[in-house]
Structures are given as C-alpha cells and as structure tokens.
PDB file of N, CA and C in Angstrom:
ATOM      1  N   GLY A   1       0.798  -1.194   0.000  1.00  0.00           N
ATOM      2  CA  GLY A   1       0.000   0.000   0.000  1.00  0.00           C
ATOM      3  C   GLY A   1       0.842   1.259   0.000  1.00  0.00           C
ATOM      4  N   ASN A   2       2.000   1.193   0.619  1.00  0.00           N
ATOM      5  CA  ASN A   2       2.862   2.363   0.683  1.00  0.00           C
ATOM      6  C   ASN A   2       3.620   2.584  -0.617  1.00  0.00           C
ATOM      7  N   GLN A   3       3.670   1.573  -1.481  1.00  0.00           N
ATOM      8  CA  GLN A   3       4.457   1.669  -2.699  1.00  0.00           C
ATOM      9  C   GLN A   3       3.624   1.902  -3.960  1.00  0.00           C
ATOM     10  N   VAL A   4       2.319   1.814  -3.873  1.00  0.00           N
ATOM     11  CA  VAL A   4       1.487   2.024  -5.054  1.00  0.00           C
ATOM     12  C   VAL A   4       1.314   3.516  -5.310  1.00  0.00           C
ATOM     13  N   SER A   5       1.178   3.873  -6.602  1.00  0.00           N
ATOM     14  CA  SER A   5       1.140   5.299  -6.885  1.00  0.00           C
ATOM     15  C   SER A   5       0.226   5.700  -8.037  1.00  0.00           C
ATOM     16  N   ASN A   6      -0.509   4.752  -8.624  1.00  0.00           N
ATOM     17  CA  ASN A   6      -1.438   5.139  -9.683  1.00  0.00           C
ATOM     18  C   ASN A   6      -2.701   4.289  -9.579  1.00  0.00           C
ATOM     19  N   ARG A   7      -3.719   4.664 -10.338  1.00  0.00           N
ATOM     20  CA  ARG A   7      -5.020   4.011 -10.198  1.00  0.00           C
ATOM     21  C   ARG A   7      -4.958   2.509 -10.471  1.00  0.00           C
ATOM     22  N   LYS A   8      -4.191   2.086 -11.459  1.00  0.00           N
ATOM     23  CA  LYS A   8      -4.096   0.657 -11.746  1.00  0.00           C
ATOM     24  C   LYS A   8      -3.522  -0.098 -10.549  1.00  0.00           C
ATOM     25  N   GLU A   9      -2.498   0.465  -9.948  1.00  0.00           N
ATOM     26  CA  GLU A   9      -1.903  -0.179  -8.773  1.00  0.00           C
ATOM     27  C   GLU A   9      -2.864  -0.162  -7.584  1.00  0.00           C
ATOM     28  N   TYR A  10      -3.629   0.912  -7.429  1.00  0.00           N
ATOM     29  CA  TYR A  10      -4.634   0.966  -6.359  1.00  0.00           C
ATOM     30  C   TYR A  10      -5.704  -0.105  -6.593  1.00  0.00           C
ATOM     31  N   ARG A  11      -6.128  -0.256  -7.842  1.00  0.00           N
ATOM     32  CA  ARG A  11      -7.128  -1.267  -8.183  1.00  0.00           C
ATOM     33  C   ARG A  11      -6.582  -2.667  -7.906  1.00  0.00           C
ATOM     34  N   ASP A  12      -5.330  -2.913  -8.300  1.00  0.00           N
ATOM     35  CA  ASP A  12      -4.706  -4.219  -8.043  1.00  0.00           C
ATOM     36  C   ASP A  12      -4.623  -4.495  -6.543  1.00  0.00           C
ATOM     37  N   LEU A  13      -4.266  -3.481  -5.771  1.00  0.00           N
ATOM     38  CA  LEU A  13      -4.198  -3.628  -4.316  1.00  0.00           C
ATOM     39  C   LEU A  13      -5.574  -3.956  -3.746  1.00  0.00           C
ATOM     40  N   ALA A  14      -6.591  -3.240  -4.197  1.00  0.00           N
ATOM     41  CA  ALA A  14      -7.949  -3.486  -3.712  1.00  0.00           C
ATOM     42  C   ALA A  14      -8.406  -4.900  -4.062  1.00  0.00           C
ATOM     43  N   GLU A  15      -8.101  -5.354  -5.265  1.00  0.00           N
ATOM     44  CA  GLU A  15      -8.477  -6.714  -5.665  1.00  0.00           C
ATOM     45  C   GLU A  15      -7.757  -7.754  -4.821  1.00  0.00           C
ATOM     46  N   LEU A  16      -6.490  -7.520  -4.529  1.00  0.00           N
ATOM     47  CA  LEU A  16      -5.732  -8.439  -3.696  1.00  0.00           C
ATOM     48  C   LEU A  16      -6.296  -8.488  -2.275  1.00  0.00           C
ATOM     49  N   LEU A  17      -6.609  -7.326  -1.728  1.00  0.00           N
ATOM     50  CA  LEU A  17      -7.188  -7.284  -0.385  1.00  0.00           C
ATOM     51  C   LEU A  17      -8.560  -7.962  -0.345  1.00  0.00           C
ATOM     52  N   LEU A  18      -9.360  -7.779  -1.393  1.00  0.00           N
ATOM     53  CA  LEU A  18     -10.664  -8.453  -1.451  1.00  0.00           C
ATOM     54  C   LEU A  18     -10.502  -9.961  -1.542  1.00  0.00           C
ATOM     55  N   LYS A  19      -9.502 -10.417  -2.289  1.00  0.00           N
ATOM     56  CA  LYS A  19      -9.248 -11.854  -2.406  1.00  0.00           C
ATOM     57  C   LYS A  19      -8.868 -12.436  -1.047  1.00  0.00           C
ATOM     58  N   VAL A  20      -7.992 -11.751  -0.336  1.00  0.00           N
ATOM     59  CA  VAL A  20      -7.603 -12.221   0.999  1.00  0.00           C
ATOM     60  C   VAL A  20      -8.820 -12.221   1.918  1.00  0.00           C
ATOM     61  N   LYS A  21      -9.616 -11.177   1.825  1.00  0.00           N
ATOM     62  CA  LYS A  21     -10.803 -11.041   2.677  1.00  0.00           C
ATOM     63  C   LYS A  21     -11.781 -12.196   2.465  1.00  0.00           C
ATOM     64  N   THR A  22     -11.927 -12.640   1.222  1.00  0.00           N
ATOM     65  CA  THR A  22     -12.870 -13.717   0.949  1.00  0.00           C
ATOM     66  C   THR A  22     -12.251 -15.104   1.152  1.00  0.00           C
ATOM     67  N   ASP A  23     -10.949 -15.236   0.959  1.00  0.00           N
ATOM     68  CA  ASP A  23     -10.305 -16.546   1.046  1.00  0.00           C
ATOM     69  C   ASP A  23      -9.950 -16.967   2.470  1.00  0.00           C
ATOM     70  N   ILE A  24      -9.654 -16.029   3.338  1.00  0.00           N
ATOM     71  CA  ILE A  24      -9.226 -16.356   4.694  1.00  0.00           C
ATOM     72  C   ILE A  24     -10.357 -16.043   5.663  1.00  0.00           C
ATOM     73  N   VAL A  25     -10.760 -17.056   6.381  1.00  0.00           N
ATOM     74  CA  VAL A  25     -11.853 -16.915   7.339  1.00  0.00           C
ATOM     75  C   VAL A  25     -11.456 -15.923   8.433  1.00  0.00           C
ATOM     76  N   ASN A  26     -12.387 -15.073   8.802  1.00  0.00           N
ATOM     77  CA  ASN A  26     -12.215 -14.077   9.873  1.00  0.00           C
ATOM     78  C   ASN A  26     -11.156 -13.016   9.575  1.00  0.00           C
ATOM     79  N   SER A  27     -10.824 -12.804   8.333  1.00  0.00           N
ATOM     80  CA  SER A  27      -9.834 -11.780   7.996  1.00  0.00           C
ATOM     81  C   SER A  27     -10.486 -10.425   7.698  1.00  0.00           C
ATOM     82  N   GLN A  28     -11.803 -10.387   7.623  1.00  0.00           N
ATOM     83  CA  GLN A  28     -12.500  -9.153   7.261  1.00  0.00           C
ATOM     84  C   GLN A  28     -12.128  -7.970   8.153  1.00  0.00           C
ATOM     85  N   PRO A  29     -12.147  -8.102   9.475  1.00  0.00           N
ATOM     86  CA  PRO A  29     -11.789  -6.931  10.299  1.00  0.00           C
ATOM     87  C   PRO A  29     -10.353  -6.447  10.063  1.00  0.00           C
ATOM     88  N   ALA A  30      -9.424  -7.365   9.902  1.00  0.00           N
ATOM     89  CA  ALA A  30      -8.022  -6.969   9.696  1.00  0.00           C
ATOM     90  C   ALA A  30      -7.832  -6.275   8.354  1.00  0.00           C
ATOM     91  N   ILE A  31      -8.480  -6.772   7.312  1.00  0.00           N
ATOM     92  CA  ILE A  31      -8.355  -6.174   5.987  1.00  0.00           C
ATOM     93  C   ILE A  31      -8.987  -4.789   5.976  1.00  0.00           C
ATOM     94  N   GLU A  32     -10.146  -4.650   6.594  1.00  0.00           N
ATOM     95  CA  GLU A  32     -10.800  -3.350   6.650  1.00  0.00           C
ATOM     96  C   GLU A  32      -9.986  -2.357   7.479  1.00  0.00           C
ATOM     97  N   GLU A  33      -9.352  -2.828   8.535  1.00  0.00           N
ATOM     98  CA  GLU A  33      -8.491  -1.968   9.340  1.00  0.00           C
ATOM     99  C   GLU A  33      -7.290  -1.495   8.529  1.00  0.00           C
ATOM    100  N   LEU A  34      -6.696  -2.405   7.771  1.00  0.00           N
ATOM    101  CA  LEU A  34      -5.556  -2.052   6.916  1.00  0.00           C
ATOM    102  C   LEU A  34      -5.966  -0.987   5.895  1.00  0.00           C
ATOM    103  N   ALA A  35      -7.096  -1.198   5.250  1.00  0.00           N
ATOM    104  CA  ALA A  35      -7.578  -0.226   4.263  1.00  0.00           C
ATOM    105  C   ALA A  35      -7.848   1.127   4.927  1.00  0.00           C
ATOM    106  N   SER A  36      -8.432   1.104   6.106  1.00  0.00           N
ATOM    107  CA  SER A  36      -8.709   2.353   6.829  1.00  0.00           C
ATOM    108  C   SER A  36      -7.418   3.091   7.168  1.00  0.00           C
ATOM    109  N   ARG A  37      -6.398   2.345   7.573  1.00  0.00           N
ATOM    110  CA  ARG A  37      -5.115   2.969   7.907  1.00  0.00           C
ATOM    111  C   ARG A  37      -4.464   3.586   6.677  1.00  0.00           C
ATOM    112  N   LEU A  38      -4.540   2.892   5.548  1.00  0.00           N
ATOM    113  CA  LEU A  38      -3.976   3.445   4.315  1.00  0.00           C
ATOM    114  C   LEU A  38      -4.706   4.725   3.909  1.00  0.00           C
ATOM    115  N   LEU A  39      -6.020   4.701   4.017  1.00  0.00           N
ATOM    116  CA  LEU A  39      -6.798   5.888   3.657  1.00  0.00           C
ATOM    117  C   LEU A  39      -6.506   7.053   4.608  1.00  0.00           C
ATOM    118  N   ALA A  40      -6.301   6.759   5.875  1.00  0.00           N
ATOM    119  CA  ALA A  40      -5.983   7.816   6.840  1.00  0.00           C
ATOM    120  C   ALA A  40      -4.568   8.359   6.611  1.00  0.00           C
ATOM    121  N   ARG A  41      -3.666   7.479   6.221  1.00  0.00           N
ATOM    122  CA  ARG A  41      -2.276   7.897   6.016  1.00  0.00           C
ATOM    123  C   ARG A  41      -2.112   8.738   4.750  1.00  0.00           C
ATOM    124  N   TYR A  42      -2.938   8.451   3.730  1.00  0.00           N
ATOM    125  CA  TYR A  42      -2.830   9.147   2.449  1.00  0.00           C
ATOM    126  C   TYR A  42      -4.162   9.803   2.080  1.00  0.00           C
ATOM    127  N   PRO A  43      -4.566  10.848   2.798  1.00  0.00           N
ATOM    128  CA  PRO A  43      -5.869  11.465   2.539  1.00  0.00           C
ATOM    129  C   PRO A  43      -5.944  12.236   1.222  1.00  0.00           C
ATOM    130  N   ARG A  44      -4.807  12.540   0.620  1.00  0.00           N
ATOM    131  CA  ARG A  44      -4.802  13.333  -0.617  1.00  0.00           C
ATOM    132  C   ARG A  44      -4.643  12.463  -1.855  1.00  0.00           C
ATOM    133  N   ARG A  45      -5.056  11.222  -1.766  1.00  0.00           N
ATOM    134  CA  ARG A  45      -5.008  10.327  -2.915  1.00  0.00           C
ATOM    135  C   ARG A  45      -6.439   9.862  -3.239  1.00  0.00           C
ATOM    136  N   PRO A  46      -7.170  10.667  -3.993  1.00  0.00           N
ATOM    137  CA  PRO A  46      -8.575  10.333  -4.267  1.00  0.00           C
ATOM    138  C   PRO A  46      -8.742   9.027  -5.037  1.00  0.00           C
ATOM    139  N   ALA A  47      -7.803   8.692  -5.903  1.00  0.00           N
ATOM    140  CA  ALA A  47      -7.916   7.431  -6.638  1.00  0.00           C
ATOM    141  C   ALA A  47      -7.781   6.246  -5.689  1.00  0.00           C
ATOM    142  N   MET A  48      -6.890   6.361  -4.717  1.00  0.00           N
ATOM    143  CA  MET A  48      -6.750   5.292  -3.721  1.00  0.00           C
ATOM    144  C   MET A  48      -8.044   5.157  -2.926  1.00  0.00           C
ATOM    145  N   LYS A  49      -8.606   6.288  -2.539  1.00  0.00           N
ATOM    146  CA  LYS A  49      -9.855   6.274  -1.775  1.00  0.00           C
ATOM    147  C   LYS A  49     -10.971   5.606  -2.575  1.00  0.00           C
ATOM    148  N   ALA A  50     -11.064   5.928  -3.842  1.00  0.00           N
ATOM    149  CA  ALA A  50     -12.110   5.354  -4.689  1.00  0.00           C
ATOM    150  C   ALA A  50     -11.950   3.845  -4.835  1.00  0.00           C
ATOM    151  N   GLU A  51     -10.734   3.398  -5.056  1.00  0.00           N
ATOM    152  CA  GLU A  51     -10.508   1.967  -5.269  1.00  0.00           C
ATOM    153  C   GLU A  51     -10.629   1.169  -3.968  1.00  0.00           C
ATOM    154  N   LEU A  52     -10.084   1.685  -2.874  1.00  0.00           N
ATOM    155  CA  LEU A  52     -10.139   0.950  -1.615  1.00  0.00           C
ATOM    156  C   LEU A  52     -11.526   0.973  -0.984  1.00  0.00           C
ATOM    157  N   SER A  53     -12.369   1.879  -1.409  1.00  0.00           N
ATOM    158  CA  SER A  53     -13.731   1.913  -0.863  1.00  0.00           C
ATOM    159  C   SER A  53     -14.508   0.645  -1.206  1.00  0.00           C
ATOM    160  N   THR A  54     -14.082  -0.060  -2.256  1.00  0.00           N
ATOM    161  CA  THR A  54     -14.768  -1.315  -2.623  1.00  0.00           C
ATOM    162  C   THR A  54     -14.595  -2.376  -1.544  1.00  0.00           C
ATOM    163  N   ILE A  55     -13.564  -2.276  -0.747  1.00  0.00           N
ATOM    164  CA  ILE A  55     -13.330  -3.257   0.310  1.00  0.00           C
ATOM    165  C   ILE A  55     -14.428  -3.199   1.347  1.00  0.00           C
ATOM    166  N   PHE A  56     -14.960  -2.022   1.598  1.00  0.00           N
ATOM    167  CA  PHE A  56     -15.996  -1.858   2.591  1.00  0.00           C
ATOM    168  C   PHE A  56     -17.383  -2.198   2.047  1.00  0.00           C
ATOM    169  N   LYS A  57     -17.530  -2.202   0.732  1.00  0.00           N
ATOM    170  CA  LYS A  57     -18.833  -2.473   0.119  1.00  0.00           C
ATOM    171  C   LYS A  57     -19.083  -3.957  -0.079  1.00  0.00           C
ATOM    172  N   LYS A  58     -18.033  -4.715  -0.381  1.00  0.00           N
ATOM    173  CA  LYS A  58     -18.193  -6.134  -0.663  1.00  0.00           C
ATOM    174  C   LYS A  58     -17.852  -6.926   0.592  1.00  0.00           C
ATOM    175  N   GLY A  59     -18.813  -7.713   1.035  1.00  0.00           N
ATOM    176  CA  GLY A  59     -18.624  -8.376   2.291  1.00  0.00           C
ATOM    177  C   GLY A  59     -18.121  -9.745   2.240  1.00  0.00           C
TER     178      GLY A  59
END
C-alpha cells in the first residue's frame, strides 16, 4: 500500500485485499483496518480512496 502510486496499482491492491478477505476466514476486520489505515495515512489520494472503498462495500 505504501508503494502504489497510480489508479491501476490501487485497483490491483484493492483486488488483492478483497481476495484475501474472501479466502481467509475471519480476515475481514483486519483487511478493513488495513484499508482504513492506508486511507488515513494518504488522505490526498482520491484514486486510492475510490478503489479501496470497494473493500468496505463487498462483504
């Protein structure tokens, strides 16, 4: 998350986090916490915010 810098990389990160969230039982809180921390750390990256918001929508 700290190394991505464009929309494609943000999308790839979001897809990877969603895959982990669905594949590993009980990982949802940890993945959502990670996404929240990234969004808090980089508030001036609207593309990151848009792509990572999918993590909170898909359960």
